[in-house]
PDB file of N, CA and C in Angstrom:
ATOM      1  N   MET A   1       4.201 -23.939 -22.287  1.00  0.00           N
ATOM      2  CA  MET A   1       2.877 -24.094 -22.190  1.00  0.00           C
ATOM      3  C   MET A   1       2.491 -25.185 -21.492  1.00  0.00           C
ATOM      4  N   ALA A   2       1.386 -25.244 -20.995  1.00  0.00           N
ATOM      5  CA  ALA A   2       0.910 -26.312 -20.386  1.00  0.00           C
ATOM      6  C   ALA A   2       0.583 -27.719 -21.334  1.00  0.00           C
ATOM      7  N   GLU A   3       0.628 -28.733 -20.650  1.00  0.00           N
ATOM      8  CA  GLU A   3       0.329 -29.865 -21.442  1.00  0.00           C
ATOM      9  C   GLU A   3      -1.147 -29.927 -22.107  1.00  0.00           C
ATOM     10  N   GLY A   4      -1.136 -30.219 -23.448  1.00  0.00           N
ATOM     11  CA  GLY A   4      -2.535 -30.003 -24.041  1.00  0.00           C
ATOM     12  C   GLY A   4      -2.753 -28.730 -24.665  1.00  0.00           C
ATOM     13  N   ILE A   5      -2.412 -27.637 -24.101  1.00  0.00           N
ATOM     14  CA  ILE A   5      -2.610 -26.335 -24.599  1.00  0.00           C
ATOM     15  C   ILE A   5      -1.164 -25.856 -25.343  1.00  0.00           C
ATOM     16  N   GLN A   6      -1.354 -25.532 -26.840  1.00  0.00           N
ATOM     17  CA  GLN A   6      -0.019 -25.076 -27.259  1.00  0.00           C
ATOM     18  C   GLN A   6      -0.152 -23.813 -27.931  1.00  0.00           C
ATOM     19  N   ASP A   7       0.934 -23.125 -28.050  1.00  0.00           N
ATOM     20  CA  ASP A   7       0.944 -21.793 -28.706  1.00  0.00           C
ATOM     21  C   ASP A   7       0.240 -21.629 -30.036  1.00  0.00           C
ATOM     22  N   SER A   8       0.395 -22.677 -30.707  1.00  0.00           N
ATOM     23  CA  SER A   8      -0.253 -22.615 -32.181  1.00  0.00           C
ATOM     24  C   SER A   8      -1.540 -23.109 -32.142  1.00  0.00           C
ATOM     25  N   ASP A   9      -2.187 -23.575 -31.134  1.00  0.00           N
ATOM     26  CA  ASP A   9      -3.676 -23.805 -31.090  1.00  0.00           C
ATOM     27  C   ASP A   9      -4.433 -22.581 -31.389  1.00  0.00           C
ATOM     28  N   ILE A  10      -5.501 -22.920 -32.110  1.00  0.00           N
ATOM     29  CA  ILE A  10      -6.517 -21.909 -32.267  1.00  0.00           C
ATOM     30  C   ILE A  10      -7.928 -22.421 -31.836  1.00  0.00           C
ATOM     31  N   TYR A  11      -8.572 -21.692 -30.960  1.00  0.00           N
ATOM     32  CA  TYR A  11      -9.839 -21.961 -30.564  1.00  0.00           C
ATOM     33  C   TYR A  11     -11.003 -21.056 -30.946  1.00  0.00           C
ATOM     34  N   ASP A  12     -12.200 -21.505 -30.987  1.00  0.00           N
ATOM     35  CA  ASP A  12     -13.380 -20.844 -31.157  1.00  0.00           C
ATOM     36  C   ASP A  12     -14.512 -20.973 -30.176  1.00  0.00           C
ATOM     37  N   ILE A  13     -15.292 -20.227 -29.914  1.00  0.00           N
ATOM     38  CA  ILE A  13     -16.591 -20.488 -29.121  1.00  0.00           C
ATOM     39  C   ILE A  13     -17.257 -21.746 -29.683  1.00  0.00           C
ATOM     40  N   ALA A  14     -17.476 -22.581 -28.729  1.00  0.00           N
ATOM     41  CA  ALA A  14     -18.204 -23.823 -29.233  1.00  0.00           C
ATOM     42  C   ALA A  14     -19.504 -23.499 -29.720  1.00  0.00           C
ATOM     43  N   LEU A  15     -19.966 -24.608 -30.514  1.00  0.00           N
ATOM     44  CA  LEU A  15     -21.324 -24.507 -31.170  1.00  0.00           C
ATOM     45  C   LEU A  15     -22.168 -24.459 -30.171  1.00  0.00           C
ATOM     46  N   HIS A  16     -23.487 -23.781 -30.344  1.00  0.00           N
ATOM     47  CA  HIS A  16     -24.650 -23.550 -29.460  1.00  0.00           C
ATOM     48  C   HIS A  16     -24.084 -23.099 -28.211  1.00  0.00           C
ATOM     49  N   HIS A  17     -23.289 -22.114 -28.382  1.00  0.00           N
ATOM     50  CA  HIS A  17     -22.533 -21.373 -27.327  1.00  0.00           C
ATOM     51  C   HIS A  17     -22.455 -19.838 -27.883  1.00  0.00           C
ATOM     52  N   ARG A  18     -22.683 -18.866 -26.918  1.00  0.00           N
ATOM     53  CA  ARG A  18     -22.496 -17.569 -27.345  1.00  0.00           C
ATOM     54  C   ARG A  18     -21.792 -16.613 -26.209  1.00  0.00           C
ATOM     55  N   PHE A  19     -20.926 -16.001 -26.638  1.00  0.00           N
ATOM     56  CA  PHE A  19     -19.992 -15.125 -25.848  1.00  0.00           C
ATOM     57  C   PHE A  19     -20.570 -13.607 -25.911  1.00  0.00           C
ATOM     58  N   GLN A  20     -20.845 -12.926 -24.920  1.00  0.00           N
ATOM     59  CA  GLN A  20     -21.384 -11.532 -25.072  1.00  0.00           C
ATOM     60  C   GLN A  20     -21.222 -10.788 -23.746  1.00  0.00           C
ATOM     61  N   TRP A  21     -21.490  -9.561 -23.736  1.00  0.00           N
ATOM     62  CA  TRP A  21     -21.403  -8.671 -22.748  1.00  0.00           C
ATOM     63  C   TRP A  21     -22.828  -8.689 -22.302  1.00  0.00           C
ATOM     64  N   GLU A  22     -23.291  -8.780 -20.955  1.00  0.00           N
ATOM     65  CA  GLU A  22     -24.592  -8.839 -20.369  1.00  0.00           C
ATOM     66  C   GLU A  22     -24.558  -7.612 -19.411  1.00  0.00           C
ATOM     67  N   GLU A  23     -25.491  -6.677 -19.835  1.00  0.00           N
ATOM     68  CA  GLU A  23     -25.627  -5.514 -19.019  1.00  0.00           C
ATOM     69  C   GLU A  23     -26.109  -5.943 -17.778  1.00  0.00           C
ATOM     70  N   ALA A  24     -26.998  -6.765 -17.592  1.00  0.00           N
ATOM     71  CA  ALA A  24     -27.762  -6.960 -16.400  1.00  0.00           C
ATOM     72  C   ALA A  24     -26.841  -7.721 -15.431  1.00  0.00           C
ATOM     73  N   GLN A  25     -25.815  -8.479 -15.961  1.00  0.00           N
ATOM     74  CA  GLN A  25     -24.845  -9.010 -15.021  1.00  0.00           C
ATOM     75  C   GLN A  25     -23.637  -8.140 -14.896  1.00  0.00           C
ATOM     76  N   ASP A  26     -23.460  -7.060 -15.457  1.00  0.00           N
ATOM     77  CA  ASP A  26     -22.295  -6.304 -15.466  1.00  0.00           C
ATOM     78  C   ASP A  26     -21.054  -6.992 -15.824  1.00  0.00           C
ATOM     79  N   SER A  27     -21.076  -7.949 -16.716  1.00  0.00           N
ATOM     80  CA  SER A  27     -19.959  -8.683 -17.120  1.00  0.00           C
ATOM     81  C   SER A  27     -20.162  -9.539 -18.426  1.00  0.00           C
ATOM     82  N   PHE A  28     -19.105 -10.142 -18.796  1.00  0.00           N
ATOM     83  CA  PHE A  28     -19.214 -10.991 -19.979  1.00  0.00           C
ATOM     84  C   PHE A  28     -19.680 -12.356 -19.512  1.00  0.00           C
ATOM     85  N   VAL A  29     -20.400 -12.970 -20.471  1.00  0.00           N
ATOM     86  CA  VAL A  29     -21.036 -14.230 -20.078  1.00  0.00           C
ATOM     87  C   VAL A  29     -21.024 -15.111 -21.437  1.00  0.00           C
ATOM     88  N   ILE A  30     -21.184 -16.457 -20.979  1.00  0.00           N
ATOM     89  CA  ILE A  30     -21.299 -17.369 -22.147  1.00  0.00           C
ATOM     90  C   ILE A  30     -22.641 -18.023 -21.959  1.00  0.00           C
ATOM     91  N   LEU A  31     -23.256 -17.780 -22.867  1.00  0.00           N
ATOM     92  CA  LEU A  31     -24.849 -18.568 -22.998  1.00  0.00           C
ATOM     93  C   LEU A  31     -24.818 -19.758 -23.777  1.00  0.00           C
ATOM     94  N   PHE A  32     -25.430 -20.711 -23.194  1.00  0.00           N
ATOM     95  CA  PHE A  32     -25.845 -22.107 -23.981  1.00  0.00           C
ATOM     96  C   PHE A  32     -27.072 -22.484 -23.460  1.00  0.00           C
ATOM     97  N   PRO A  33     -27.546 -23.591 -24.319  1.00  0.00           N
ATOM     98  CA  PRO A  33     -28.826 -24.157 -24.025  1.00  0.00           C
ATOM     99  C   PRO A  33     -29.094 -24.432 -22.602  1.00  0.00           C
ATOM    100  N   GLU A  34     -28.258 -24.940 -21.810  1.00  0.00           N
ATOM    101  CA  GLU A  34     -28.528 -25.290 -20.351  1.00  0.00           C
ATOM    102  C   GLU A  34     -28.324 -24.072 -19.363  1.00  0.00           C
ATOM    103  N   GLY A  35     -27.905 -22.857 -19.909  1.00  0.00           N
ATOM    104  CA  GLY A  35     -27.772 -21.776 -18.956  1.00  0.00           C
ATOM    105  C   GLY A  35     -26.706 -20.741 -19.282  1.00  0.00           C
ATOM    106  N   MET A  36     -26.008 -20.174 -18.435  1.00  0.00           N
ATOM    107  CA  MET A  36     -25.147 -19.068 -18.540  1.00  0.00           C
ATOM    108  C   MET A  36     -24.254 -19.114 -17.523  1.00  0.00           C
ATOM    109  N   VAL A  37     -22.945 -18.727 -17.885  1.00  0.00           N
ATOM    110  CA  VAL A  37     -21.850 -18.705 -17.090  1.00  0.00           C
ATOM    111  C   VAL A  37     -21.302 -17.212 -17.046  1.00  0.00           C
ATOM    112  N   LYS A  38     -21.316 -16.578 -15.906  1.00  0.00           N
ATOM    113  CA  LYS A  38     -20.759 -15.343 -15.706  1.00  0.00           C
ATOM    114  C   LYS A  38     -19.253 -15.287 -15.734  1.00  0.00           C
ATOM    115  N   LEU A  39     -18.564 -14.527 -16.497  1.00  0.00           N
ATOM    116  CA  LEU A  39     -17.198 -14.691 -16.412  1.00  0.00           C
ATOM    117  C   LEU A  39     -16.508 -13.404 -15.720  1.00  0.00           C
ATOM    118  N   HIS A  40     -15.663 -13.587 -14.834  1.00  0.00           N
ATOM    119  CA  HIS A  40     -15.143 -12.564 -13.959  1.00  0.00           C
ATOM    120  C   HIS A  40     -13.760 -12.199 -14.588  1.00  0.00           C
ATOM    121  N   GLY A  41     -13.588 -10.778 -14.552  1.00  0.00           N
ATOM    122  CA  GLY A  41     -12.451 -10.075 -14.716  1.00  0.00           C
ATOM    123  C   GLY A  41     -11.572 -10.725 -16.102  1.00  0.00           C
ATOM    124  N   GLY A  42     -10.399 -11.312 -15.900  1.00  0.00           N
ATOM    125  CA  GLY A  42      -9.409 -11.936 -16.843  1.00  0.00           C
ATOM    126  C   GLY A  42     -10.109 -12.807 -17.646  1.00  0.00           C
ATOM    127  N   ALA A  43     -11.092 -13.773 -17.200  1.00  0.00           N
ATOM    128  CA  ALA A  43     -11.722 -14.582 -17.982  1.00  0.00           C
ATOM    129  C   ALA A  43     -12.352 -13.953 -19.045  1.00  0.00           C
ATOM    130  N   GLY A  44     -13.051 -12.917 -19.000  1.00  0.00           N
ATOM    131  CA  GLY A  44     -13.710 -12.146 -20.136  1.00  0.00           C
ATOM    132  C   GLY A  44     -12.684 -11.587 -21.217  1.00  0.00           C
ATOM    133  N   GLU A  45     -11.566 -11.116 -20.449  1.00  0.00           N
ATOM    134  CA  GLU A  45     -10.563 -10.411 -21.276  1.00  0.00           C
ATOM    135  C   GLU A  45     -10.055 -11.556 -22.385  1.00  0.00           C
ATOM    136  N   VAL A  46      -9.728 -12.922 -21.810  1.00  0.00           N
ATOM    137  CA  VAL A  46      -9.397 -13.875 -22.579  1.00  0.00           C
ATOM    138  C   VAL A  46     -10.416 -14.370 -23.663  1.00  0.00           C
ATOM    139  N   MET A  47     -11.618 -14.557 -23.268  1.00  0.00           N
ATOM    140  CA  MET A  47     -12.673 -14.821 -24.234  1.00  0.00           C
ATOM    141  C   MET A  47     -13.025 -14.004 -25.123  1.00  0.00           C
ATOM    142  N   GLN A  48     -12.546 -12.690 -25.018  1.00  0.00           N
ATOM    143  CA  GLN A  48     -12.815 -11.604 -25.997  1.00  0.00           C
ATOM    144  C   GLN A  48     -12.033 -11.971 -27.162  1.00  0.00           C
ATOM    145  N   LEU A  49     -10.869 -12.567 -27.068  1.00  0.00           N
ATOM    146  CA  LEU A  49      -9.957 -12.864 -27.959  1.00  0.00           C
ATOM    147  C   LEU A  49     -10.269 -14.173 -28.884  1.00  0.00           C
ATOM    148  N   VAL A  50     -10.981 -14.871 -28.151  1.00  0.00           N
ATOM    149  CA  VAL A  50     -11.179 -16.402 -28.917  1.00  0.00           C
ATOM    150  C   VAL A  50     -12.149 -16.172 -29.950  1.00  0.00           C
ATOM    151  N   ASN A  51     -11.571 -16.227 -31.165  1.00  0.00           N
ATOM    152  CA  ASN A  51     -12.528 -15.890 -32.357  1.00  0.00           C
ATOM    153  C   ASN A  51     -12.278 -16.917 -33.477  1.00  0.00           C
ATOM    154  N   GLY A  52     -11.395 -18.093 -33.418  1.00  0.00           N
ATOM    155  CA  GLY A  52     -11.167 -18.777 -34.493  1.00  0.00           C
ATOM    156  C   GLY A  52     -10.145 -18.492 -35.252  1.00  0.00           C
ATOM    157  N   LYS A  53      -9.442 -17.308 -34.967  1.00  0.00           N
ATOM    158  CA  LYS A  53      -8.425 -16.853 -35.934  1.00  0.00           C
ATOM    159  C   LYS A  53      -7.171 -16.485 -35.132  1.00  0.00           C
ATOM    160  N   VAL A  54      -7.191 -16.272 -34.096  1.00  0.00           N
ATOM    161  CA  VAL A  54      -5.934 -15.808 -33.247  1.00  0.00           C
ATOM    162  C   VAL A  54      -5.520 -17.066 -32.353  1.00  0.00           C
ATOM    163  N   SER A  55      -4.178 -17.273 -32.278  1.00  0.00           N
ATOM    164  CA  SER A  55      -3.642 -18.581 -31.662  1.00  0.00           C
ATOM    165  C   SER A  55      -3.480 -18.115 -30.288  1.00  0.00           C
ATOM    166  N   VAL A  56      -3.367 -19.306 -29.555  1.00  0.00           N
ATOM    167  CA  VAL A  56      -3.220 -19.104 -27.942  1.00  0.00           C
ATOM    168  C   VAL A  56      -1.970 -18.203 -27.902  1.00  0.00           C
ATOM    169  N   GLY A  57      -0.781 -18.424 -28.425  1.00  0.00           N
ATOM    170  CA  GLY A  57       0.369 -17.620 -28.188  1.00  0.00           C
ATOM    171  C   GLY A  57       0.006 -16.178 -28.578  1.00  0.00           C
ATOM    172  N   GLU A  58      -0.717 -15.822 -29.675  1.00  0.00           N
ATOM    173  CA  GLU A  58      -0.970 -14.459 -29.906  1.00  0.00           C
ATOM    174  C   GLU A  58      -1.888 -13.745 -28.916  1.00  0.00           C
ATOM    175  N   ILE A  59      -2.773 -14.468 -28.254  1.00  0.00           N
ATOM    176  CA  ILE A  59      -3.516 -14.082 -27.087  1.00  0.00           C
ATOM    177  C   ILE A  59      -2.683 -13.828 -26.004  1.00  0.00           C
ATOM    178  N   VAL A  60      -1.753 -14.807 -25.527  1.00  0.00           N
ATOM    179  CA  VAL A  60      -0.992 -14.446 -24.346  1.00  0.00           C
ATOM    180  C   VAL A  60      -0.062 -13.092 -24.743  1.00  0.00           C
ATOM    181  N   THR A  61       0.332 -12.952 -25.999  1.00  0.00           N
ATOM    182  CA  THR A  61       1.056 -11.814 -26.199  1.00  0.00           C
ATOM    183  C   THR A  61       0.317 -10.641 -26.017  1.00  0.00           C
ATOM    184  N   ILE A  62      -0.886 -10.548 -26.603  1.00  0.00           N
ATOM    185  CA  ILE A  62      -1.894  -9.350 -26.587  1.00  0.00           C
ATOM    186  C   ILE A  62      -2.125  -9.006 -25.202  1.00  0.00           C
ATOM    187  N   LEU A  63      -2.405  -9.998 -24.350  1.00  0.00           N
ATOM    188  CA  LEU A  63      -2.815  -9.723 -22.990  1.00  0.00           C
ATOM    189  C   LEU A  63      -1.620  -9.335 -22.168  1.00  0.00           C
ATOM    190  N   LYS A  64      -0.507  -9.964 -22.511  1.00  0.00           N
ATOM    191  CA  LYS A  64       0.741  -9.516 -21.749  1.00  0.00           C
ATOM    192  C   LYS A  64       1.066  -7.966 -21.934  1.00  0.00           C
ATOM    193  N   ASN A  65       0.698  -7.597 -23.178  1.00  0.00           N
ATOM    194  CA  ASN A  65       1.191  -6.198 -23.577  1.00  0.00           C
ATOM    195  C   ASN A  65      -0.039  -5.208 -23.054  1.00  0.00           C
ATOM    196  N   LYS A  66      -1.093  -5.617 -22.978  1.00  0.00           N
ATOM    197  CA  LYS A  66      -2.262  -5.074 -22.412  1.00  0.00           C
ATOM    198  C   LYS A  66      -2.247  -4.782 -20.847  1.00  0.00           C
ATOM    199  N   PHE A  67      -1.656  -5.708 -20.273  1.00  0.00           N
ATOM    200  CA  PHE A  67      -1.426  -5.870 -18.739  1.00  0.00           C
ATOM    201  C   PHE A  67      -0.086  -6.021 -18.537  1.00  0.00           C
ATOM    202  N   PRO A  68       0.978  -5.291 -18.678  1.00  0.00           N
ATOM    203  CA  PRO A  68       2.347  -5.515 -18.541  1.00  0.00           C
ATOM    204  C   PRO A  68       2.760  -5.785 -16.967  1.00  0.00           C
ATOM    205  N   ASP A  69       1.829  -5.219 -15.936  1.00  0.00           N
ATOM    206  CA  ASP A  69       2.229  -5.447 -14.627  1.00  0.00           C
ATOM    207  C   ASP A  69       1.594  -6.646 -14.070  1.00  0.00           C
ATOM    208  N   ALA A  70       0.956  -7.347 -14.712  1.00  0.00           N
ATOM    209  CA  ALA A  70       0.192  -8.606 -14.207  1.00  0.00           C
ATOM    210  C   ALA A  70       1.187  -9.923 -14.127  1.00  0.00           C
ATOM    211  N   GLU A  71       1.593 -10.179 -13.008  1.00  0.00           N
ATOM    212  CA  GLU A  71       2.742 -11.246 -12.890  1.00  0.00           C
ATOM    213  C   GLU A  71       1.919 -12.687 -12.927  1.00  0.00           C
ATOM    214  N   GLY A  72       2.357 -13.489 -13.615  1.00  0.00           N
ATOM    215  CA  GLY A  72       1.933 -14.845 -13.747  1.00  0.00           C
ATOM    216  C   GLY A  72       0.867 -14.875 -14.801  1.00  0.00           C
ATOM    217  N   ILE A  73       0.699 -13.943 -15.715  1.00  0.00           N
ATOM    218  CA  ILE A  73      -0.418 -13.866 -16.482  1.00  0.00           C
ATOM    219  C   ILE A  73      -0.610 -14.901 -17.463  1.00  0.00           C
ATOM    220  N   GLU A  74       0.687 -15.511 -18.109  1.00  0.00           N
ATOM    221  CA  GLU A  74       0.381 -16.711 -18.886  1.00  0.00           C
ATOM    222  C   GLU A  74      -0.216 -17.781 -18.306  1.00  0.00           C
ATOM    223  N   ALA A  75       0.203 -18.262 -17.175  1.00  0.00           N
ATOM    224  CA  ALA A  75      -0.567 -19.208 -16.615  1.00  0.00           C
ATOM    225  C   ALA A  75      -1.834 -19.129 -16.332  1.00  0.00           C
ATOM    226  N   ASP A  76      -2.348 -17.877 -15.971  1.00  0.00           N
ATOM    227  CA  ASP A  76      -3.812 -17.546 -15.855  1.00  0.00           C
ATOM    228  C   ASP A  76      -4.359 -17.866 -17.268  1.00  0.00           C
ATOM    229  N   ILE A  77      -3.901 -17.447 -18.107  1.00  0.00           N
ATOM    230  CA  ILE A  77      -4.461 -17.482 -19.520  1.00  0.00           C
ATOM    231  C   ILE A  77      -4.540 -19.027 -20.107  1.00  0.00           C
ATOM    232  N   ILE A  78      -3.455 -19.624 -19.823  1.00  0.00           N
ATOM    233  CA  ILE A  78      -3.539 -21.201 -20.123  1.00  0.00           C
ATOM    234  C   ILE A  78      -4.523 -21.740 -19.243  1.00  0.00           C
ATOM    235  N   GLY A  79      -4.599 -21.376 -17.919  1.00  0.00           N
ATOM    236  CA  GLY A  79      -5.561 -22.010 -17.052  1.00  0.00           C
ATOM    237  C   GLY A  79      -6.907 -21.978 -17.627  1.00  0.00           C
ATOM    238  N   MET A  80      -7.262 -20.624 -18.079  1.00  0.00           N
ATOM    239  CA  MET A  80      -8.462 -20.344 -18.723  1.00  0.00           C
ATOM    240  C   MET A  80      -9.124 -21.117 -19.878  1.00  0.00           C
ATOM    241  N   PHE A  81      -7.910 -21.286 -20.669  1.00  0.00           N
ATOM    242  CA  PHE A  81      -8.197 -22.146 -21.802  1.00  0.00           C
ATOM    243  C   PHE A  81      -8.370 -23.670 -21.422  1.00  0.00           C
ATOM    244  N   GLU A  82      -7.643 -24.193 -20.544  1.00  0.00           N
ATOM    245  CA  GLU A  82      -7.832 -25.511 -19.921  1.00  0.00           C
ATOM    246  C   GLU A  82      -9.211 -25.592 -19.529  1.00  0.00           C
ATOM    247  N   MET A  83      -9.629 -24.628 -18.453  1.00  0.00           N
ATOM    248  CA  MET A  83     -11.091 -24.829 -17.965  1.00  0.00           C
ATOM    249  C   MET A  83     -12.253 -24.730 -18.957  1.00  0.00           C
ATOM    250  N   ALA A  84     -12.148 -23.456 -19.962  1.00  0.00           N
ATOM    251  CA  ALA A  84     -12.931 -23.442 -20.899  1.00  0.00           C
ATOM    252  C   ALA A  84     -12.898 -24.600 -21.911  1.00  0.00           C
ATOM    253  N   PHE A  85     -11.977 -25.118 -22.188  1.00  0.00           N
ATOM    254  CA  PHE A  85     -12.021 -26.404 -23.238  1.00  0.00           C
ATOM    255  C   PHE A  85     -12.672 -27.579 -22.303  1.00  0.00           C
ATOM    256  N   GLY A  86     -12.361 -27.791 -21.257  1.00  0.00           N
ATOM    257  CA  GLY A  86     -12.724 -28.830 -20.326  1.00  0.00           C
ATOM    258  C   GLY A  86     -14.296 -28.848 -20.104  1.00  0.00           C
ATOM    259  N   LYS A  87     -14.763 -27.545 -20.132  1.00  0.00           N
ATOM    260  CA  LYS A  87     -16.250 -27.362 -20.000  1.00  0.00           C
ATOM    261  C   LYS A  87     -17.080 -27.301 -21.282  1.00  0.00           C
ATOM    262  N   ALA A  88     -16.229 -27.407 -22.357  1.00  0.00           N
ATOM    263  CA  ALA A  88     -16.791 -27.466 -23.761  1.00  0.00           C
ATOM    264  C   ALA A  88     -17.479 -26.140 -24.047  1.00  0.00           C
ATOM    265  N   TRP A  89     -16.767 -24.963 -23.444  1.00  0.00           N
ATOM    266  CA  TRP A  89     -17.069 -23.670 -23.934  1.00  0.00           C
ATOM    267  C   TRP A  89     -16.573 -23.362 -25.203  1.00  0.00           C
ATOM    268  N   ILE A  90     -15.302 -23.818 -25.386  1.00  0.00           N
ATOM    269  CA  ILE A  90     -14.728 -23.626 -26.624  1.00  0.00           C
ATOM    270  C   ILE A  90     -14.394 -24.853 -27.364  1.00  0.00           C
ATOM    271  N   ARG A  91     -13.879 -24.743 -28.697  1.00  0.00           N
ATOM    272  CA  ARG A  91     -13.536 -25.906 -29.385  1.00  0.00           C
ATOM    273  C   ARG A  91     -12.267 -25.435 -30.106  1.00  0.00           C
ATOM    274  N   LYS A  92     -11.420 -26.674 -30.339  1.00  0.00           N
ATOM    275  CA  LYS A  92     -10.082 -26.545 -30.899  1.00  0.00           C
ATOM    276  C   LYS A  92     -10.356 -26.742 -32.527  1.00  0.00           C
ATOM    277  N   LEU A  93      -9.730 -25.670 -33.242  1.00  0.00           N
ATOM    278  CA  LEU A  93      -9.994 -25.749 -34.541  1.00  0.00           C
ATOM    279  C   LEU A  93      -8.790 -26.379 -35.476  1.00  0.00           C
ATOM    280  N   ASN A  94      -7.623 -26.348 -34.734  1.00  0.00           N
ATOM    281  CA  ASN A  94      -6.532 -27.139 -35.707  1.00  0.00           C
ATOM    282  C   ASN A  94      -5.954 -28.066 -34.896  1.00  0.00           C
TER     283      ASN A  94
END
C-alpha cells in the first residue's frame, strides 16, 4: 500500500459532500457547497464502495474481482483514495 493509505483504513464521503449518479453528466459526481466534480470511469467505481463500512483492502479486492483483466488496478485505486482524501472529498473514520 502507498504511504498514508493502509488496507485497514475505512473512509466515508466527507461531511457536506454527496456522491451520486448525475444523469445530465452521464457519470457519477461529488456535490459539495462550492460546486461539483465529475468522476470518470474508475473513480466512480471506487467511490461507489466508499461507505464508512468497507476497508480500503476490501475495496481493492472487490474491484480486482470485478475487473480481473485490469493491470495495475491496485495502484489506481490507492491513487484515487490519495486524491480524494487530499481534496477532502472523503474522510478517514479509523
